[in-house]
Amino acid sequence: MTRLRREVIFGIAIPFVYLVFELGFTHQLVSVLSGTASDEILKGLEFWGRVISGVGLGLVFFPAQSVLTL
């Protein structure tokens, strides 16, 4: 895989997919919290919120990893 293609995939495509999931999660969170929610629903949202934020943190540190290996 060429360097340019790798930069396009990891620089544009993956953050875009992450953003779509983040916006979907935020919409779901606002929808649930605008009404009454059971503990089960809130625990599910907490789990997926942690997963999404972990992926986001990994995307923040991914470019640093490529700089450190040079």
PDB file of N, CA and C in Angstrom:
ATOM      1  N   MET A   1       0.849  -1.173   0.000  1.00  0.00           N
ATOM      2  CA  MET A   1       0.000   0.000   0.000  1.00  0.00           C
ATOM      3  C   MET A   1       0.897   1.239   0.000  1.00  0.00           C
ATOM      4  N   THR A   2       0.610   2.159  -0.865  1.00  0.00           N
ATOM      5  CA  THR A   2       1.433   3.352  -0.936  1.00  0.00           C
ATOM      6  C   THR A   2       1.165   4.258   0.260  1.00  0.00           C
ATOM      7  N   ARG A   3       2.128   5.114   0.526  1.00  0.00           N
ATOM      8  CA  ARG A   3       2.023   6.012   1.680  1.00  0.00           C
ATOM      9  C   ARG A   3       0.838   6.967   1.535  1.00  0.00           C
ATOM     10  N   LEU A   4       0.615   7.477   0.326  1.00  0.00           N
ATOM     11  CA  LEU A   4      -0.485   8.408   0.101  1.00  0.00           C
ATOM     12  C   LEU A   4      -1.826   7.719   0.352  1.00  0.00           C
ATOM     13  N   ARG A   5      -1.964   6.499  -0.141  1.00  0.00           N
ATOM     14  CA  ARG A   5      -3.221   5.777   0.061  1.00  0.00           C
ATOM     15  C   ARG A   5      -3.450   5.499   1.547  1.00  0.00           C
ATOM     16  N   ARG A   6      -2.403   5.133   2.263  1.00  0.00           N
ATOM     17  CA  ARG A   6      -2.517   4.878   3.700  1.00  0.00           C
ATOM     18  C   ARG A   6      -2.909   6.160   4.431  1.00  0.00           C
ATOM     19  N   GLU A   7      -2.335   7.287   4.038  1.00  0.00           N
ATOM     20  CA  GLU A   7      -2.684   8.560   4.676  1.00  0.00           C
ATOM     21  C   GLU A   7      -4.132   8.939   4.406  1.00  0.00           C
ATOM     22  N   VAL A   8      -4.611   8.650   3.223  1.00  0.00           N
ATOM     23  CA  VAL A   8      -6.009   8.951   2.910  1.00  0.00           C
ATOM     24  C   VAL A   8      -6.938   8.080   3.741  1.00  0.00           C
ATOM     25  N   ILE A   9      -6.612   6.800   3.847  1.00  0.00           N
ATOM     26  CA  ILE A   9      -7.471   5.895   4.615  1.00  0.00           C
ATOM     27  C   ILE A   9      -7.478   6.264   6.085  1.00  0.00           C
ATOM     28  N   PHE A  10      -6.293   6.430   6.668  1.00  0.00           N
ATOM     29  CA  PHE A  10      -6.216   6.702   8.102  1.00  0.00           C
ATOM     30  C   PHE A  10      -6.427   8.174   8.444  1.00  0.00           C
ATOM     31  N   GLY A  11      -6.300   9.045   7.483  1.00  0.00           N
ATOM     32  CA  GLY A  11      -6.456  10.465   7.759  1.00  0.00           C
ATOM     33  C   GLY A  11      -7.835  11.011   7.481  1.00  0.00           C
ATOM     34  N   ILE A  12      -8.575  10.360   6.566  1.00  0.00           N
ATOM     35  CA  ILE A  12      -9.888  10.881   6.195  1.00  0.00           C
ATOM     36  C   ILE A  12     -10.994   9.858   6.431  1.00  0.00           C
ATOM     37  N   ALA A  13     -10.823   8.668   5.911  1.00  0.00           N
ATOM     38  CA  ALA A  13     -11.914   7.690   5.931  1.00  0.00           C
ATOM     39  C   ALA A  13     -12.241   7.197   7.338  1.00  0.00           C
ATOM     40  N   ILE A  14     -11.254   6.787   8.092  1.00  0.00           N
ATOM     41  CA  ILE A  14     -11.516   6.250   9.426  1.00  0.00           C
ATOM     42  C   ILE A  14     -12.059   7.324  10.378  1.00  0.00           C
ATOM     43  N   PRO A  15     -11.489   8.538  10.416  1.00  0.00           N
ATOM     44  CA  PRO A  15     -12.114   9.571  11.265  1.00  0.00           C
ATOM     45  C   PRO A  15     -13.537   9.922  10.833  1.00  0.00           C
ATOM     46  N   PHE A  16     -13.830   9.850   9.529  1.00  0.00           N
ATOM     47  CA  PHE A  16     -15.193  10.115   9.061  1.00  0.00           C
ATOM     48  C   PHE A  16     -16.159   9.060   9.580  1.00  0.00           C
ATOM     49  N   VAL A  17     -15.764   7.797   9.508  1.00  0.00           N
ATOM     50  CA  VAL A  17     -16.607   6.719  10.029  1.00  0.00           C
ATOM     51  C   VAL A  17     -16.803   6.888  11.536  1.00  0.00           C
ATOM     52  N   TYR A  18     -15.733   7.238  12.240  1.00  0.00           N
ATOM     53  CA  TYR A  18     -15.837   7.492  13.687  1.00  0.00           C
ATOM     54  C   TYR A  18     -16.823   8.628  13.955  1.00  0.00           C
ATOM     55  N   LEU A  19     -16.746   9.689  13.178  1.00  0.00           N
ATOM     56  CA  LEU A  19     -17.638  10.829  13.373  1.00  0.00           C
ATOM     57  C   LEU A  19     -19.095  10.441  13.163  1.00  0.00           C
ATOM     58  N   VAL A  20     -19.362   9.598  12.184  1.00  0.00           N
ATOM     59  CA  VAL A  20     -20.735   9.143  11.953  1.00  0.00           C
ATOM     60  C   VAL A  20     -21.249   8.376  13.166  1.00  0.00           C
ATOM     61  N   PHE A  21     -20.436   7.460  13.715  1.00  0.00           N
ATOM     62  CA  PHE A  21     -20.847   6.723  14.902  1.00  0.00           C
ATOM     63  C   PHE A  21     -21.013   7.657  16.103  1.00  0.00           C
ATOM     64  N   GLU A  22     -20.136   8.614  16.248  1.00  0.00           N
ATOM     65  CA  GLU A  22     -20.214   9.560  17.375  1.00  0.00           C
ATOM     66  C   GLU A  22     -21.494  10.395  17.290  1.00  0.00           C
ATOM     67  N   LEU A  23     -21.826  10.856  16.108  1.00  0.00           N
ATOM     68  CA  LEU A  23     -23.050  11.649  15.956  1.00  0.00           C
ATOM     69  C   LEU A  23     -24.291  10.795  16.194  1.00  0.00           C
ATOM     70  N   GLY A  24     -24.267   9.551  15.743  1.00  0.00           N
ATOM     71  CA  GLY A  24     -25.391   8.649  15.997  1.00  0.00           C
ATOM     72  C   GLY A  24     -25.569   8.379  17.475  1.00  0.00           C
ATOM     73  N   PHE A  25     -24.456   8.177  18.174  1.00  0.00           N
ATOM     74  CA  PHE A  25     -24.516   7.942  19.616  1.00  0.00           C
ATOM     75  C   PHE A  25     -25.045   9.174  20.339  1.00  0.00           C
ATOM     76  N   THR A  26     -24.580  10.343  19.957  1.00  0.00           N
ATOM     77  CA  THR A  26     -25.029  11.579  20.602  1.00  0.00           C
ATOM     78  C   THR A  26     -26.521  11.790  20.384  1.00  0.00           C
ATOM     79  N   HIS A  27     -26.995  11.499  19.189  1.00  0.00           N
ATOM     80  CA  HIS A  27     -28.426  11.623  18.906  1.00  0.00           C
ATOM     81  C   HIS A  27     -29.226  10.656  19.779  1.00  0.00           C
ATOM     82  N   GLN A  28     -28.765   9.434  19.889  1.00  0.00           N
ATOM     83  CA  GLN A  28     -29.447   8.440  20.715  1.00  0.00           C
ATOM     84  C   GLN A  28     -29.437   8.862  22.189  1.00  0.00           C
ATOM     85  N   LEU A  29     -28.317   9.390  22.637  1.00  0.00           N
ATOM     86  CA  LEU A  29     -28.194   9.831  24.029  1.00  0.00           C
ATOM     87  C   LEU A  29     -29.163  10.966  24.331  1.00  0.00           C
ATOM     88  N   VAL A  30     -29.254  11.933  23.453  1.00  0.00           N
ATOM     89  CA  VAL A  30     -30.169  13.057  23.654  1.00  0.00           C
ATOM     90  C   VAL A  30     -31.615  12.575  23.601  1.00  0.00           C
ATOM     91  N   SER A  31     -31.915  11.655  22.691  1.00  0.00           N
ATOM     92  CA  SER A  31     -33.281  11.135  22.591  1.00  0.00           C
ATOM     93  C   SER A  31     -33.693  10.395  23.851  1.00  0.00           C
ATOM     94  N   VAL A  32     -32.797   9.586  24.390  1.00  0.00           N
ATOM     95  CA  VAL A  32     -33.122   8.810  25.582  1.00  0.00           C
ATOM     96  C   VAL A  32     -33.228   9.714  26.798  1.00  0.00           C
ATOM     97  N   LEU A  33     -32.325  10.649  26.929  1.00  0.00           N
ATOM     98  CA  LEU A  33     -32.319  11.483  28.129  1.00  0.00           C
ATOM     99  C   LEU A  33     -33.382  12.570  28.117  1.00  0.00           C
ATOM    100  N   SER A  34     -34.021  12.810  26.969  1.00  0.00           N
ATOM    101  CA  SER A  34     -35.110  13.784  26.949  1.00  0.00           C
ATOM    102  C   SER A  34     -36.380  13.206  27.559  1.00  0.00           C
ATOM    103  N   GLY A  35     -36.439  11.887  27.697  1.00  0.00           N
ATOM    104  CA  GLY A  35     -37.579  11.235  28.346  1.00  0.00           C
ATOM    105  C   GLY A  35     -37.089  10.442  29.537  1.00  0.00           C
ATOM    106  N   THR A  36     -37.904   9.530  29.979  1.00  0.00           N
ATOM    107  CA  THR A  36     -37.481   8.665  31.074  1.00  0.00           C
ATOM    108  C   THR A  36     -36.822   7.429  30.501  1.00  0.00           C
ATOM    109  N   ALA A  37     -35.744   6.995  31.127  1.00  0.00           N
ATOM    110  CA  ALA A  37     -34.994   5.838  30.638  1.00  0.00           C
ATOM    111  C   ALA A  37     -34.764   4.869  31.789  1.00  0.00           C
ATOM    112  N   SER A  38     -34.794   3.595  31.456  1.00  0.00           N
ATOM    113  CA  SER A  38     -34.539   2.582  32.476  1.00  0.00           C
ATOM    114  C   SER A  38     -33.037   2.458  32.713  1.00  0.00           C
ATOM    115  N   ASP A  39     -32.699   1.784  33.794  1.00  0.00           N
ATOM    116  CA  ASP A  39     -31.286   1.568  34.109  1.00  0.00           C
ATOM    117  C   ASP A  39     -30.592   0.728  33.039  1.00  0.00           C
ATOM    118  N   GLU A  40     -31.317  -0.215  32.451  1.00  0.00           N
ATOM    119  CA  GLU A  40     -30.741  -1.071  31.416  1.00  0.00           C
ATOM    120  C   GLU A  40     -30.330  -0.256  30.185  1.00  0.00           C
ATOM    121  N   ILE A  41     -31.173   0.662  29.783  1.00  0.00           N
ATOM    122  CA  ILE A  41     -30.859   1.516  28.627  1.00  0.00           C
ATOM    123  C   ILE A  41     -29.669   2.409  28.939  1.00  0.00           C
ATOM    124  N   LEU A  42     -29.640   2.976  30.136  1.00  0.00           N
ATOM    125  CA  LEU A  42     -28.524   3.847  30.510  1.00  0.00           C
ATOM    126  C   LEU A  42     -27.209   3.078  30.604  1.00  0.00           C
ATOM    127  N   LYS A  43     -27.253   1.848  31.095  1.00  0.00           N
ATOM    128  CA  LYS A  43     -26.028   1.040  31.151  1.00  0.00           C
ATOM    129  C   LYS A  43     -25.535   0.693  29.756  1.00  0.00           C
ATOM    130  N   GLY A  44     -26.451   0.426  28.822  1.00  0.00           N
ATOM    131  CA  GLY A  44     -26.063   0.169  27.438  1.00  0.00           C
ATOM    132  C   GLY A  44     -25.434   1.394  26.799  1.00  0.00           C
ATOM    133  N   LEU A  45     -26.020   2.554  27.042  1.00  0.00           N
ATOM    134  CA  LEU A  45     -25.448   3.792  26.517  1.00  0.00           C
ATOM    135  C   LEU A  45     -24.088   4.082  27.134  1.00  0.00           C
ATOM    136  N   GLU A  46     -23.939   3.776  28.420  1.00  0.00           N
ATOM    137  CA  GLU A  46     -22.644   3.981  29.065  1.00  0.00           C
ATOM    138  C   GLU A  46     -21.576   3.088  28.432  1.00  0.00           C
ATOM    139  N   PHE A  47     -21.924   1.841  28.185  1.00  0.00           N
ATOM    140  CA  PHE A  47     -20.977   0.911  27.571  1.00  0.00           C
ATOM    141  C   PHE A  47     -20.535   1.407  26.191  1.00  0.00           C
ATOM    142  N   TRP A  48     -21.510   1.735  25.342  1.00  0.00           N
ATOM    143  CA  TRP A  48     -21.162   2.173  23.994  1.00  0.00           C
ATOM    144  C   TRP A  48     -20.460   3.529  24.003  1.00  0.00           C
ATOM    145  N   GLY A  49     -20.787   4.377  24.964  1.00  0.00           N
ATOM    146  CA  GLY A  49     -20.072   5.640  25.091  1.00  0.00           C
ATOM    147  C   GLY A  49     -18.606   5.429  25.410  1.00  0.00           C
ATOM    148  N   ARG A  50     -18.331   4.464  26.278  1.00  0.00           N
ATOM    149  CA  ARG A  50     -16.936   4.150  26.611  1.00  0.00           C
ATOM    150  C   ARG A  50     -16.202   3.543  25.422  1.00  0.00           C
ATOM    151  N   VAL A  51     -16.896   2.688  24.666  1.00  0.00           N
ATOM    152  CA  VAL A  51     -16.275   2.094  23.478  1.00  0.00           C
ATOM    153  C   VAL A  51     -15.939   3.168  22.450  1.00  0.00           C
ATOM    154  N   ILE A  52     -16.894   4.042  22.184  1.00  0.00           N
ATOM    155  CA  ILE A  52     -16.682   5.091  21.185  1.00  0.00           C
ATOM    156  C   ILE A  52     -15.589   6.061  21.635  1.00  0.00           C
ATOM    157  N   SER A  53     -15.574   6.431  22.903  1.00  0.00           N
ATOM    158  CA  SER A  53     -14.530   7.349  23.363  1.00  0.00           C
ATOM    159  C   SER A  53     -13.158   6.675  23.342  1.00  0.00           C
ATOM    160  N   GLY A  54     -13.097   5.373  23.588  1.00  0.00           N
ATOM    161  CA  GLY A  54     -11.824   4.652  23.478  1.00  0.00           C
ATOM    162  C   GLY A  54     -11.304   4.628  22.054  1.00  0.00           C
ATOM    163  N   VAL A  55     -12.199   4.429  21.106  1.00  0.00           N
ATOM    164  CA  VAL A  55     -11.791   4.465  19.701  1.00  0.00           C
ATOM    165  C   VAL A  55     -11.318   5.869  19.330  1.00  0.00           C
ATOM    166  N   GLY A  56     -12.022   6.878  19.805  1.00  0.00           N
ATOM    167  CA  GLY A  56     -11.609   8.262  19.534  1.00  0.00           C
ATOM    168  C   GLY A  56     -10.245   8.575  20.115  1.00  0.00           C
ATOM    169  N   LEU A  57      -9.983   8.093  21.309  1.00  0.00           N
ATOM    170  CA  LEU A  57      -8.675   8.306  21.920  1.00  0.00           C
ATOM    171  C   LEU A  57      -7.590   7.587  21.127  1.00  0.00           C
ATOM    172  N   GLY A  58      -7.906   6.396  20.648  1.00  0.00           N
ATOM    173  CA  GLY A  58      -6.951   5.677  19.807  1.00  0.00           C
ATOM    174  C   GLY A  58      -6.653   6.419  18.514  1.00  0.00           C
ATOM    175  N   LEU A  59      -7.670   7.060  17.941  1.00  0.00           N
ATOM    176  CA  LEU A  59      -7.451   7.848  16.727  1.00  0.00           C
ATOM    177  C   LEU A  59      -6.601   9.084  16.997  1.00  0.00           C
ATOM    178  N   VAL A  60      -6.680   9.612  18.201  1.00  0.00           N
ATOM    179  CA  VAL A  60      -5.839  10.764  18.556  1.00  0.00           C
ATOM    180  C   VAL A  60      -4.377  10.346  18.641  1.00  0.00           C
ATOM    181  N   PHE A  61      -4.117   9.181  19.244  1.00  0.00           N
ATOM    182  CA  PHE A  61      -2.742   8.738  19.444  1.00  0.00           C
ATOM    183  C   PHE A  61      -2.157   7.996  18.249  1.00  0.00           C
ATOM    184  N   PHE A  62      -2.965   7.612  17.273  1.00  0.00           N
ATOM    185  CA  PHE A  62      -2.452   6.875  16.124  1.00  0.00           C
ATOM    186  C   PHE A  62      -1.419   7.677  15.315  1.00  0.00           C
ATOM    187  N   PRO A  63      -1.672   8.961  15.008  1.00  0.00           N
ATOM    188  CA  PRO A  63      -0.630   9.709  14.279  1.00  0.00           C
ATOM    189  C   PRO A  63       0.655   9.853  15.079  1.00  0.00           C
ATOM    190  N   ALA A  64       0.572   9.946  16.385  1.00  0.00           N
ATOM    191  CA  ALA A  64       1.776  10.051  17.206  1.00  0.00           C
ATOM    192  C   ALA A  64       2.605   8.778  17.108  1.00  0.00           C
ATOM    193  N   GLN A  65       1.972   7.636  16.988  1.00  0.00           N
ATOM    194  CA  GLN A  65       2.667   6.377  16.874  1.00  0.00           C
ATOM    195  C   GLN A  65       3.453   6.321  15.560  1.00  0.00           C
ATOM    196  N   SER A  66       2.883   6.828  14.480  1.00  0.00           N
ATOM    197  CA  SER A  66       3.587   6.799  13.201  1.00  0.00           C
ATOM    198  C   SER A  66       4.766   7.780  13.191  1.00  0.00           C
ATOM    199  N   VAL A  67       4.664   8.879  13.925  1.00  0.00           N
ATOM    200  CA  VAL A  67       5.776   9.837  14.006  1.00  0.00           C
ATOM    201  C   VAL A  67       6.913   9.250  14.842  1.00  0.00           C
ATOM    202  N   LEU A  68       6.584   8.551  15.902  1.00  0.00           N
ATOM    203  CA  LEU A  68       7.602   7.989  16.787  1.00  0.00           C
ATOM    204  C   LEU A  68       8.372   6.852  16.142  1.00  0.00           C
ATOM    205  N   THR A  69       7.788   6.166  15.158  1.00  0.00           N
ATOM    206  CA  THR A  69       8.480   5.050  14.518  1.00  0.00           C
ATOM    207  C   THR A  69       9.419   5.504  13.410  1.00  0.00           C
ATOM    208  N   LEU A  70       9.377   6.765  13.019  1.00  0.00           N
ATOM    209  CA  LEU A  70      10.251   7.265  11.952  1.00  0.00           C
ATOM    210  C   LEU A  70      11.666   7.428  12.409  1.00  0.00           C
TER     211      LEU A  70
END
